[in-house]
């Protein structure tokens, strides 16, 4: 069963070699702690459903007072670290003007 269309992105919105539609997780507005919890849940769901890729939208970070990315560096480090590997992450790359992470799963 597919999620609502609002949770899917068309390939033209992102860089790279994408399938026609890729499941996305939007972390805008979440604290780092809540974002990492949401990422963990999304990775688990993706593995259960047999998905090979997931896009995690962190935003570029320009919406905070310091004009520095907050979520992306923390989420990216988590995905590349032991927690991400244990959750099935094979590879991570920045996409969509560095406002999202494309995650490849085992």
PDB file of N, CA and C in Angstrom:
ATOM      1  N   UNK A   1       0.842  -1.183   0.000  1.00  0.00           N
ATOM      2  CA  UNK A   1       0.000   0.000   0.000  1.00  0.00           C
ATOM      3  C   UNK A   1       0.882   1.240   0.000  1.00  0.00           C
ATOM      4  N   UNK A   2       0.659   2.157  -0.899  1.00  0.00           N
ATOM      5  CA  UNK A   2       1.465   3.361  -0.996  1.00  0.00           C
ATOM      6  C   UNK A   2       0.937   4.442  -0.077  1.00  0.00           C
ATOM      7  N   UNK A   3       1.861   5.245   0.482  1.00  0.00           N
ATOM      8  CA  UNK A   3       1.424   6.380   1.287  1.00  0.00           C
ATOM      9  C   UNK A   3       0.810   7.448   0.400  1.00  0.00           C
ATOM     10  N   UNK A   4       0.169   8.455   0.987  1.00  0.00           N
ATOM     11  CA  UNK A   4      -0.438   9.519   0.199  1.00  0.00           C
ATOM     12  C   UNK A   4       0.594  10.179  -0.703  1.00  0.00           C
ATOM     13  N   UNK A   5       0.137  10.729  -1.813  1.00  0.00           N
ATOM     14  CA  UNK A   5       1.032  11.359  -2.780  1.00  0.00           C
ATOM     15  C   UNK A   5       1.878  12.456  -2.150  1.00  0.00           C
ATOM     16  N   UNK A   6       1.394  13.119  -1.117  1.00  0.00           N
ATOM     17  CA  UNK A   6       2.145  14.201  -0.490  1.00  0.00           C
ATOM     18  C   UNK A   6       3.427  13.698   0.156  1.00  0.00           C
ATOM     19  N   UNK A   7       3.558  12.399   0.336  1.00  0.00           N
ATOM     20  CA  UNK A   7       4.743  11.837   0.956  1.00  0.00           C
ATOM     21  C   UNK A   7       5.701  11.246  -0.066  1.00  0.00           C
ATOM     22  N   UNK A   8       5.453  11.489  -1.323  1.00  0.00           N
ATOM     23  CA  UNK A   8       6.313  10.947  -2.373  1.00  0.00           C
ATOM     24  C   UNK A   8       6.821  12.107  -3.224  1.00  0.00           C
ATOM     25  N   UNK A   9       8.016  11.975  -3.748  1.00  0.00           N
ATOM     26  CA  UNK A   9       8.621  13.019  -4.562  1.00  0.00           C
ATOM     27  C   UNK A   9       8.851  12.493  -5.968  1.00  0.00           C
ATOM     28  N   UNK A  10       8.612  13.330  -6.972  1.00  0.00           N
ATOM     29  CA  UNK A  10       8.917  12.957  -8.345  1.00  0.00           C
ATOM     30  C   UNK A  10      10.407  13.091  -8.591  1.00  0.00           C
ATOM     31  N   UNK A  11      10.912  12.321  -9.517  1.00  0.00           N
ATOM     32  CA  UNK A  11      12.341  12.290  -9.793  1.00  0.00           C
ATOM     33  C   UNK A  11      12.893  13.640 -10.223  1.00  0.00           C
ATOM     34  N   UNK A  12      12.104  14.523 -10.840  1.00  0.00           N
ATOM     35  CA  UNK A  12      12.603  15.805 -11.312  1.00  0.00           C
ATOM     36  C   UNK A  12      12.975  16.743 -10.173  1.00  0.00           C
ATOM     37  N   UNK A  13      12.530  16.477  -8.966  1.00  0.00           N
ATOM     38  CA  UNK A  13      12.808  17.350  -7.843  1.00  0.00           C
ATOM     39  C   UNK A  13      14.187  17.113  -7.235  1.00  0.00           C
ATOM     40  N   UNK A  14      14.879  16.058  -7.622  1.00  0.00           N
ATOM     41  CA  UNK A  14      16.146  15.702  -7.006  1.00  0.00           C
ATOM     42  C   UNK A  14      17.191  15.429  -8.066  1.00  0.00           C
ATOM     43  N   UNK A  15      18.452  15.468  -7.662  1.00  0.00           N
ATOM     44  CA  UNK A  15      19.568  15.156  -8.537  1.00  0.00           C
ATOM     45  C   UNK A  15      19.745  13.648  -8.608  1.00  0.00           C
ATOM     46  N   UNK A  16      20.409  13.178  -9.656  1.00  0.00           N
ATOM     47  CA  UNK A  16      20.841  11.790  -9.673  1.00  0.00           C
ATOM     48  C   UNK A  16      19.893  10.848 -10.362  1.00  0.00           C
ATOM     49  N   UNK A  17      20.250   9.572 -10.260  1.00  0.00           N
ATOM     50  CA  UNK A  17      19.530   8.491 -10.914  1.00  0.00           C
ATOM     51  C   UNK A  17      18.485   7.943  -9.960  1.00  0.00           C
ATOM     52  N   UNK A  18      17.272   8.444 -10.054  1.00  0.00           N
ATOM     53  CA  UNK A  18      16.207   8.060  -9.143  1.00  0.00           C
ATOM     54  C   UNK A  18      15.174   7.201  -9.827  1.00  0.00           C
ATOM     55  N   UNK A  19      14.502   6.397  -9.037  1.00  0.00           N
ATOM     56  CA  UNK A  19      13.335   5.686  -9.524  1.00  0.00           C
ATOM     57  C   UNK A  19      12.245   6.724  -9.769  1.00  0.00           C
ATOM     58  N   UNK A  20      11.151   6.325 -10.385  1.00  0.00           N
ATOM     59  CA  UNK A  20      10.075   7.269 -10.685  1.00  0.00           C
ATOM     60  C   UNK A  20       9.576   7.958  -9.413  1.00  0.00           C
ATOM     61  N   UNK A  21       9.480   7.239  -8.339  1.00  0.00           N
ATOM     62  CA  UNK A  21       9.058   7.814  -7.065  1.00  0.00           C
ATOM     63  C   UNK A  21       9.917   7.211  -5.966  1.00  0.00           C
ATOM     64  N   UNK A  22      10.254   8.046  -4.993  1.00  0.00           N
ATOM     65  CA  UNK A  22      11.054   7.588  -3.864  1.00  0.00           C
ATOM     66  C   UNK A  22      10.370   8.049  -2.583  1.00  0.00           C
ATOM     67  N   UNK A  23      10.332   7.181  -1.627  1.00  0.00           N
ATOM     68  CA  UNK A  23       9.727   7.516  -0.343  1.00  0.00           C
ATOM     69  C   UNK A  23      10.546   8.614   0.334  1.00  0.00           C
ATOM     70  N   UNK A  24       9.868   9.584   0.937  1.00  0.00           N
ATOM     71  CA  UNK A  24      10.562  10.688   1.604  1.00  0.00           C
ATOM     72  C   UNK A  24      10.125  10.805   3.054  1.00  0.00           C
ATOM     73  N   UNK A  25      11.031  11.358   3.840  1.00  0.00           N
ATOM     74  CA  UNK A  25      10.761  11.676   5.236  1.00  0.00           C
ATOM     75  C   UNK A  25      11.142  13.138   5.416  1.00  0.00           C
ATOM     76  N   UNK A  26      10.199  13.978   5.832  1.00  0.00           N
ATOM     77  CA  UNK A  26      10.446  15.406   5.992  1.00  0.00           C
ATOM     78  C   UNK A  26      10.683  15.714   7.470  1.00  0.00           C
ATOM     79  N   UNK A  27      11.861  16.252   7.781  1.00  0.00           N
ATOM     80  CA  UNK A  27      12.238  16.541   9.167  1.00  0.00           C
ATOM     81  C   UNK A  27      12.123  18.019   9.523  1.00  0.00           C
ATOM     82  N   UNK A  28      11.621  18.831   8.610  1.00  0.00           N
ATOM     83  CA  UNK A  28      11.491  20.266   8.895  1.00  0.00           C
ATOM     84  C   UNK A  28      10.759  20.501  10.213  1.00  0.00           C
ATOM     85  N   UNK A  29      11.295  21.382  11.025  1.00  0.00           N
ATOM     86  CA  UNK A  29      10.630  21.790  12.255  1.00  0.00           C
ATOM     87  C   UNK A  29      10.866  20.875  13.448  1.00  0.00           C
ATOM     88  N   UNK A  30      11.587  19.777  13.267  1.00  0.00           N
ATOM     89  CA  UNK A  30      11.824  18.860  14.380  1.00  0.00           C
ATOM     90  C   UNK A  30      13.128  19.195  15.095  1.00  0.00           C
ATOM     91  N   UNK A  31      13.185  18.865  16.369  1.00  0.00           N
ATOM     92  CA  UNK A  31      14.454  18.966  17.084  1.00  0.00           C
ATOM     93  C   UNK A  31      15.359  17.842  16.593  1.00  0.00           C
ATOM     94  N   UNK A  32      16.641  17.933  16.887  1.00  0.00           N
ATOM     95  CA  UNK A  32      17.569  16.887  16.465  1.00  0.00           C
ATOM     96  C   UNK A  32      17.155  15.546  17.053  1.00  0.00           C
ATOM     97  N   UNK A  33      16.797  15.517  18.320  1.00  0.00           N
ATOM     98  CA  UNK A  33      16.395  14.264  18.978  1.00  0.00           C
ATOM     99  C   UNK A  33      15.179  13.640  18.288  1.00  0.00           C
ATOM    100  N   UNK A  34      14.157  14.451  18.024  1.00  0.00           N
ATOM    101  CA  UNK A  34      12.953  13.938  17.361  1.00  0.00           C
ATOM    102  C   UNK A  34      13.243  13.542  15.921  1.00  0.00           C
ATOM    103  N   UNK A  35      14.119  14.291  15.251  1.00  0.00           N
ATOM    104  CA  UNK A  35      14.468  13.970  13.872  1.00  0.00           C
ATOM    105  C   UNK A  35      15.172  12.615  13.797  1.00  0.00           C
ATOM    106  N   UNK A  36      16.106  12.359  14.701  1.00  0.00           N
ATOM    107  CA  UNK A  36      16.822  11.084  14.687  1.00  0.00           C
ATOM    108  C   UNK A  36      15.884   9.922  15.001  1.00  0.00           C
ATOM    109  N   UNK A  37      14.933  10.144  15.876  1.00  0.00           N
ATOM    110  CA  UNK A  37      13.937   9.110  16.174  1.00  0.00           C
ATOM    111  C   UNK A  37      13.092   8.820  14.933  1.00  0.00           C
ATOM    112  N   UNK A  38      12.671   9.882  14.242  1.00  0.00           N
ATOM    113  CA  UNK A  38      11.867   9.718  13.021  1.00  0.00           C
ATOM    114  C   UNK A  38      12.673   8.994  11.943  1.00  0.00           C
ATOM    115  N   UNK A  39      13.963   9.321  11.802  1.00  0.00           N
ATOM    116  CA  UNK A  39      14.816   8.661  10.817  1.00  0.00           C
ATOM    117  C   UNK A  39      14.934   7.171  11.135  1.00  0.00           C
ATOM    118  N   UNK A  40      15.155   6.851  12.387  1.00  0.00           N
ATOM    119  CA  UNK A  40      15.267   5.456  12.804  1.00  0.00           C
ATOM    120  C   UNK A  40      13.993   4.686  12.469  1.00  0.00           C
ATOM    121  N   UNK A  41      12.853   5.275  12.757  1.00  0.00           N
ATOM    122  CA  UNK A  41      11.566   4.636  12.453  1.00  0.00           C
ATOM    123  C   UNK A  41      11.383   4.465  10.956  1.00  0.00           C
ATOM    124  N   UNK A  42      11.752   5.478  10.181  1.00  0.00           N
ATOM    125  CA  UNK A  42      11.601   5.414   8.730  1.00  0.00           C
ATOM    126  C   UNK A  42      12.505   4.343   8.121  1.00  0.00           C
ATOM    127  N   UNK A  43      13.719   4.222   8.641  1.00  0.00           N
ATOM    128  CA  UNK A  43      14.630   3.198   8.137  1.00  0.00           C
ATOM    129  C   UNK A  43      14.092   1.808   8.433  1.00  0.00           C
ATOM    130  N   UNK A  44      13.557   1.635   9.618  1.00  0.00           N
ATOM    131  CA  UNK A  44      12.977   0.335   9.970  1.00  0.00           C
ATOM    132  C   UNK A  44      11.810   0.008   9.029  1.00  0.00           C
ATOM    133  N   UNK A  45      10.920   0.976   8.830  1.00  0.00           N
ATOM    134  CA  UNK A  45       9.768   0.763   7.944  1.00  0.00           C
ATOM    135  C   UNK A  45      10.225   0.468   6.523  1.00  0.00           C
ATOM    136  N   UNK A  46      11.246   1.169   6.051  1.00  0.00           N
ATOM    137  CA  UNK A  46      11.757   0.957   4.697  1.00  0.00           C
ATOM    138  C   UNK A  46      12.301  -0.455   4.538  1.00  0.00           C
ATOM    139  N   UNK A  47      13.026  -0.926   5.516  1.00  0.00           N
ATOM    140  CA  UNK A  47      13.580  -2.286   5.441  1.00  0.00           C
ATOM    141  C   UNK A  47      12.468  -3.327   5.470  1.00  0.00           C
ATOM    142  N   UNK A  48      11.465  -3.123   6.312  1.00  0.00           N
ATOM    143  CA  UNK A  48      10.344  -4.059   6.393  1.00  0.00           C
ATOM    144  C   UNK A  48       9.623  -4.124   5.053  1.00  0.00           C
ATOM    145  N   UNK A  49       9.487  -2.972   4.393  1.00  0.00           N
ATOM    146  CA  UNK A  49       8.771  -2.904   3.112  1.00  0.00           C
ATOM    147  C   UNK A  49       9.645  -3.282   1.924  1.00  0.00           C
ATOM    148  N   UNK A  50      10.925  -3.503   2.159  1.00  0.00           N
ATOM    149  CA  UNK A  50      11.821  -3.914   1.088  1.00  0.00           C
ATOM    150  C   UNK A  50      12.294  -2.794   0.186  1.00  0.00           C
ATOM    151  N   UNK A  51      12.228  -1.550   0.636  1.00  0.00           N
ATOM    152  CA  UNK A  51      12.677  -0.420  -0.167  1.00  0.00           C
ATOM    153  C   UNK A  51      14.194  -0.381  -0.196  1.00  0.00           C
ATOM    154  N   UNK A  52      14.751   0.078  -1.296  1.00  0.00           N
ATOM    155  CA  UNK A  52      16.200   0.171  -1.422  1.00  0.00           C
ATOM    156  C   UNK A  52      16.711   1.593  -1.232  1.00  0.00           C
ATOM    157  N   UNK A  53      15.807   2.570  -1.311  1.00  0.00           N
ATOM    158  CA  UNK A  53      16.215   3.978  -1.165  1.00  0.00           C
ATOM    159  C   UNK A  53      15.165   4.775  -0.408  1.00  0.00           C
ATOM    160  N   UNK A  54      15.646   5.827   0.202  1.00  0.00           N
ATOM    161  CA  UNK A  54      14.801   6.726   0.981  1.00  0.00           C
ATOM    162  C   UNK A  54      15.416   8.108   0.875  1.00  0.00           C
ATOM    163  N   UNK A  55      14.601   9.141   0.794  1.00  0.00           N
ATOM    164  CA  UNK A  55      15.097  10.516   0.808  1.00  0.00           C
ATOM    165  C   UNK A  55      14.670  11.153   2.124  1.00  0.00           C
ATOM    166  N   UNK A  56      15.641  11.713   2.819  1.00  0.00           N
ATOM    167  CA  UNK A  56      15.380  12.377   4.091  1.00  0.00           C
ATOM    168  C   UNK A  56      15.585  13.870   3.873  1.00  0.00           C
ATOM    169  N   UNK A  57      14.513  14.635   4.006  1.00  0.00           N
ATOM    170  CA  UNK A  57      14.545  16.072   3.787  1.00  0.00           C
ATOM    171  C   UNK A  57      14.873  16.757   5.114  1.00  0.00           C
ATOM    172  N   UNK A  58      16.032  17.409   5.143  1.00  0.00           N
ATOM    173  CA  UNK A  58      16.464  18.107   6.355  1.00  0.00           C
ATOM    174  C   UNK A  58      16.333  19.613   6.205  1.00  0.00           C
ATOM    175  N   UNK A  59      16.280  20.084   4.984  1.00  0.00           N
ATOM    176  CA  UNK A  59      16.341  21.517   4.732  1.00  0.00           C
ATOM    177  C   UNK A  59      17.806  21.937   4.696  1.00  0.00           C
ATOM    178  N   UNK A  60      18.059  23.084   4.117  1.00  0.00           N
ATOM    179  CA  UNK A  60      19.434  23.568   3.982  1.00  0.00           C
ATOM    180  C   UNK A  60      19.935  24.232   5.262  1.00  0.00           C
ATOM    181  N   UNK A  61      19.036  24.579   6.167  1.00  0.00           N
ATOM    182  CA  UNK A  61      19.458  25.169   7.431  1.00  0.00           C
ATOM    183  C   UNK A  61      19.378  26.675   7.498  1.00  0.00           C
ATOM    184  N   UNK A  62      18.804  27.289   6.487  1.00  0.00           N
ATOM    185  CA  UNK A  62      18.763  28.751   6.483  1.00  0.00           C
ATOM    186  C   UNK A  62      17.616  29.310   7.306  1.00  0.00           C
ATOM    187  N   UNK A  63      16.798  28.460   7.899  1.00  0.00           N
ATOM    188  CA  UNK A  63      15.646  28.944   8.653  1.00  0.00           C
ATOM    189  C   UNK A  63      15.908  29.153  10.133  1.00  0.00           C
ATOM    190  N   UNK A  64      17.152  29.038  10.574  1.00  0.00           N
ATOM    191  CA  UNK A  64      17.440  29.258  11.996  1.00  0.00           C
ATOM    192  C   UNK A  64      18.192  30.574  12.178  1.00  0.00           C
ATOM    193  N   UNK A  65      18.222  31.110  13.386  1.00  0.00           N
ATOM    194  CA  UNK A  65      18.821  32.432  13.621  1.00  0.00           C
ATOM    195  C   UNK A  65      20.298  32.534  13.234  1.00  0.00           C
ATOM    196  N   UNK A  66      21.051  31.438  13.331  1.00  0.00           N
ATOM    197  CA  UNK A  66      22.477  31.471  13.002  1.00  0.00           C
ATOM    198  C   UNK A  66      22.761  31.241  11.522  1.00  0.00           C
ATOM    199  N   UNK A  67      21.738  30.931  10.742  1.00  0.00           N
ATOM    200  CA  UNK A  67      21.864  30.644   9.314  1.00  0.00           C
ATOM    201  C   UNK A  67      22.865  29.515   9.064  1.00  0.00           C
ATOM    202  N   UNK A  68      22.848  28.518   9.905  1.00  0.00           N
ATOM    203  CA  UNK A  68      23.726  27.362   9.763  1.00  0.00           C
ATOM    204  C   UNK A  68      22.881  26.100   9.816  1.00  0.00           C
ATOM    205  N   UNK A  69      23.233  25.099   9.022  1.00  0.00           N
ATOM    206  CA  UNK A  69      22.496  23.840   9.081  1.00  0.00           C
ATOM    207  C   UNK A  69      22.618  23.205  10.463  1.00  0.00           C
ATOM    208  N   UNK A  70      21.514  22.718  10.986  1.00  0.00           N
ATOM    209  CA  UNK A  70      21.511  22.046  12.283  1.00  0.00           C
ATOM    210  C   UNK A  70      21.188  20.566  12.088  1.00  0.00           C
ATOM    211  N   UNK A  71      20.080  20.288  11.438  1.00  0.00           N
ATOM    212  CA  UNK A  71      19.645  18.898  11.276  1.00  0.00           C
ATOM    213  C   UNK A  71      20.545  18.090  10.341  1.00  0.00           C
ATOM    214  N   UNK A  72      20.844  18.637   9.165  1.00  0.00           N
ATOM    215  CA  UNK A  72      21.561  17.844   8.173  1.00  0.00           C
ATOM    216  C   UNK A  72      22.878  17.262   8.692  1.00  0.00           C
ATOM    217  N   UNK A  73      23.761  18.052   9.313  1.00  0.00           N
ATOM    218  CA  UNK A  73      25.024  17.457   9.756  1.00  0.00           C
ATOM    219  C   UNK A  73      24.831  16.374  10.820  1.00  0.00           C
ATOM    220  N   UNK A  74      23.881  16.572  11.706  1.00  0.00           N
ATOM    221  CA  UNK A  74      23.651  15.577  12.763  1.00  0.00           C
ATOM    222  C   UNK A  74      23.019  14.312  12.208  1.00  0.00           C
ATOM    223  N   UNK A  75      22.032  14.473  11.326  1.00  0.00           N
ATOM    224  CA  UNK A  75      21.368  13.312  10.721  1.00  0.00           C
ATOM    225  C   UNK A  75      22.358  12.569   9.827  1.00  0.00           C
ATOM    226  N   UNK A  76      23.130  13.297   9.049  1.00  0.00           N
ATOM    227  CA  UNK A  76      24.105  12.660   8.155  1.00  0.00           C
ATOM    228  C   UNK A  76      25.150  11.883   8.953  1.00  0.00           C
ATOM    229  N   UNK A  77      25.641  12.450  10.033  1.00  0.00           N
ATOM    230  CA  UNK A  77      26.621  11.752  10.879  1.00  0.00           C
ATOM    231  C   UNK A  77      26.010  10.484  11.478  1.00  0.00           C
ATOM    232  N   UNK A  78      24.757  10.568  11.911  1.00  0.00           N
ATOM    233  CA  UNK A  78      24.072   9.403  12.484  1.00  0.00           C
ATOM    234  C   UNK A  78      23.925   8.310  11.435  1.00  0.00           C
ATOM    235  N   UNK A  79      23.512   8.692  10.216  1.00  0.00           N
ATOM    236  CA  UNK A  79      23.324   7.716   9.137  1.00  0.00           C
ATOM    237  C   UNK A  79      24.637   7.039   8.759  1.00  0.00           C
ATOM    238  N   UNK A  80      25.741   7.779   8.774  1.00  0.00           N
ATOM    239  CA  UNK A  80      27.048   7.237   8.392  1.00  0.00           C
ATOM    240  C   UNK A  80      27.715   6.479   9.533  1.00  0.00           C
ATOM    241  N   UNK A  81      27.214   6.647  10.743  1.00  0.00           N
ATOM    242  CA  UNK A  81      27.814   6.033  11.918  1.00  0.00           C
ATOM    243  C   UNK A  81      27.281   4.630  12.183  1.00  0.00           C
ATOM    244  N   UNK A  82      27.638   4.082  13.349  1.00  0.00           N
ATOM    245  CA  UNK A  82      27.230   2.709  13.676  1.00  0.00           C
ATOM    246  C   UNK A  82      25.720   2.519  13.757  1.00  0.00           C
ATOM    247  N   UNK A  83      24.986   3.533  14.195  1.00  0.00           N
ATOM    248  CA  UNK A  83      23.529   3.405  14.272  1.00  0.00           C
ATOM    249  C   UNK A  83      22.927   3.247  12.882  1.00  0.00           C
ATOM    250  N   UNK A  84      23.414   4.057  11.934  1.00  0.00           N
ATOM    251  CA  UNK A  84      22.914   3.971  10.572  1.00  0.00           C
ATOM    252  C   UNK A  84      23.253   2.640   9.921  1.00  0.00           C
ATOM    253  N   UNK A  85      24.487   2.200  10.113  1.00  0.00           N
ATOM    254  CA  UNK A  85      24.883   0.898   9.534  1.00  0.00           C
ATOM    255  C   UNK A  85      24.037  -0.223  10.123  1.00  0.00           C
ATOM    256  N   UNK A  86      23.787  -0.166  11.435  1.00  0.00           N
ATOM    257  CA  UNK A  86      22.958  -1.194  12.081  1.00  0.00           C
ATOM    258  C   UNK A  86      21.519  -1.156  11.552  1.00  0.00           C
ATOM    259  N   UNK A  87      21.071   0.031  11.089  1.00  0.00           N
ATOM    260  CA  UNK A  87      19.715   0.178  10.554  1.00  0.00           C
ATOM    261  C   UNK A  87      19.647  -0.155   9.070  1.00  0.00           C
ATOM    262  N   UNK A  88      20.764  -0.597   8.479  1.00  0.00           N
ATOM    263  CA  UNK A  88      20.749  -1.021   7.087  1.00  0.00           C
ATOM    264  C   UNK A  88      21.216  -0.001   6.073  1.00  0.00           C
ATOM    265  N   UNK A  89      21.808   1.106   6.536  1.00  0.00           N
ATOM    266  CA  UNK A  89      22.274   2.134   5.604  1.00  0.00           C
ATOM    267  C   UNK A  89      23.549   1.651   4.913  1.00  0.00           C
ATOM    268  N   UNK A  90      23.525   1.696   3.587  1.00  0.00           N
ATOM    269  CA  UNK A  90      24.679   1.311   2.779  1.00  0.00           C
ATOM    270  C   UNK A  90      25.455   2.536   2.316  1.00  0.00           C
ATOM    271  N   UNK A  91      24.726   3.609   1.935  1.00  0.00           N
ATOM    272  CA  UNK A  91      25.368   4.806   1.406  1.00  0.00           C
ATOM    273  C   UNK A  91      24.454   6.004   1.634  1.00  0.00           C
ATOM    274  N   UNK A  92      25.076   7.180   1.759  1.00  0.00           N
ATOM    275  CA  UNK A  92      24.330   8.431   1.951  1.00  0.00           C
ATOM    276  C   UNK A  92      24.963   9.487   1.065  1.00  0.00           C
ATOM    277  N   UNK A  93      24.121  10.268   0.390  1.00  0.00           N
ATOM    278  CA  UNK A  93      24.666  11.400  -0.357  1.00  0.00           C
ATOM    279  C   UNK A  93      23.704  12.574  -0.277  1.00  0.00           C
ATOM    280  N   UNK A  94      24.267  13.765  -0.340  1.00  0.00           N
ATOM    281  CA  UNK A  94      23.476  14.995  -0.312  1.00  0.00           C
ATOM    282  C   UNK A  94      22.870  15.239  -1.686  1.00  0.00           C
ATOM    283  N   UNK A  95      21.602  15.622  -1.685  1.00  0.00           N
ATOM    284  CA  UNK A  95      20.895  15.910  -2.930  1.00  0.00           C
ATOM    285  C   UNK A  95      20.036  17.158  -2.740  1.00  0.00           C
ATOM    286  N   UNK A  96      19.407  17.572  -3.807  1.00  0.00           N
ATOM    287  CA  UNK A  96      18.469  18.705  -3.801  1.00  0.00           C
ATOM    288  C   UNK A  96      19.080  19.931  -3.125  1.00  0.00           C
ATOM    289  N   UNK A  97      20.194  20.392  -3.692  1.00  0.00           N
ATOM    290  CA  UNK A  97      20.903  21.579  -3.198  1.00  0.00           C
ATOM    291  C   UNK A  97      21.297  21.422  -1.735  1.00  0.00           C
ATOM    292  N   UNK A  98      21.634  20.201  -1.363  1.00  0.00           N
ATOM    293  CA  UNK A  98      22.084  19.829  -0.020  1.00  0.00           C
ATOM    294  C   UNK A  98      20.999  19.988   1.047  1.00  0.00           C
ATOM    295  N   UNK A  99      19.736  20.068   0.626  1.00  0.00           N
ATOM    296  CA  UNK A  99      18.642  20.166   1.573  1.00  0.00           C
ATOM    297  C   UNK A  99      18.007  18.806   1.886  1.00  0.00           C
ATOM    298  N   UNK A 100      18.584  17.741   1.297  1.00  0.00           N
ATOM    299  CA  UNK A 100      18.062  16.394   1.531  1.00  0.00           C
ATOM    300  C   UNK A 100      19.194  15.394   1.423  1.00  0.00           C
ATOM    301  N   UNK A 101      18.944  14.221   1.992  1.00  0.00           N
ATOM    302  CA  UNK A 101      19.915  13.126   1.948  1.00  0.00           C
ATOM    303  C   UNK A 101      19.269  11.933   1.271  1.00  0.00           C
ATOM    304  N   UNK A 102      19.922  11.411   0.258  1.00  0.00           N
ATOM    305  CA  UNK A 102      19.463  10.185  -0.388  1.00  0.00           C
ATOM    306  C   UNK A 102      20.165   9.031   0.328  1.00  0.00           C
ATOM    307  N   UNK A 103      19.379   8.114   0.852  1.00  0.00           N
ATOM    308  CA  UNK A 103      19.906   6.988   1.632  1.00  0.00           C
ATOM    309  C   UNK A 103      19.678   5.706   0.852  1.00  0.00           C
ATOM    310  N   UNK A 104      20.754   4.957   0.617  1.00  0.00           N
ATOM    311  CA  UNK A 104      20.662   3.648  -0.027  1.00  0.00           C
ATOM    312  C   UNK A 104      20.743   2.586   1.071  1.00  0.00           C
ATOM    313  N   UNK A 105      19.841   1.621   0.987  1.00  0.00           N
ATOM    314  CA  UNK A 105      19.748   0.584   2.015  1.00  0.00           C
ATOM    315  C   UNK A 105      20.220  -0.755   1.486  1.00  0.00           C
ATOM    316  N   UNK A 106      20.627  -1.619   2.396  1.00  0.00           N
ATOM    317  CA  UNK A 106      21.020  -3.000   2.049  1.00  0.00           C
ATOM    318  C   UNK A 106      19.807  -3.795   1.675  1.00  0.00           C
TER     319      UNK A 106
END
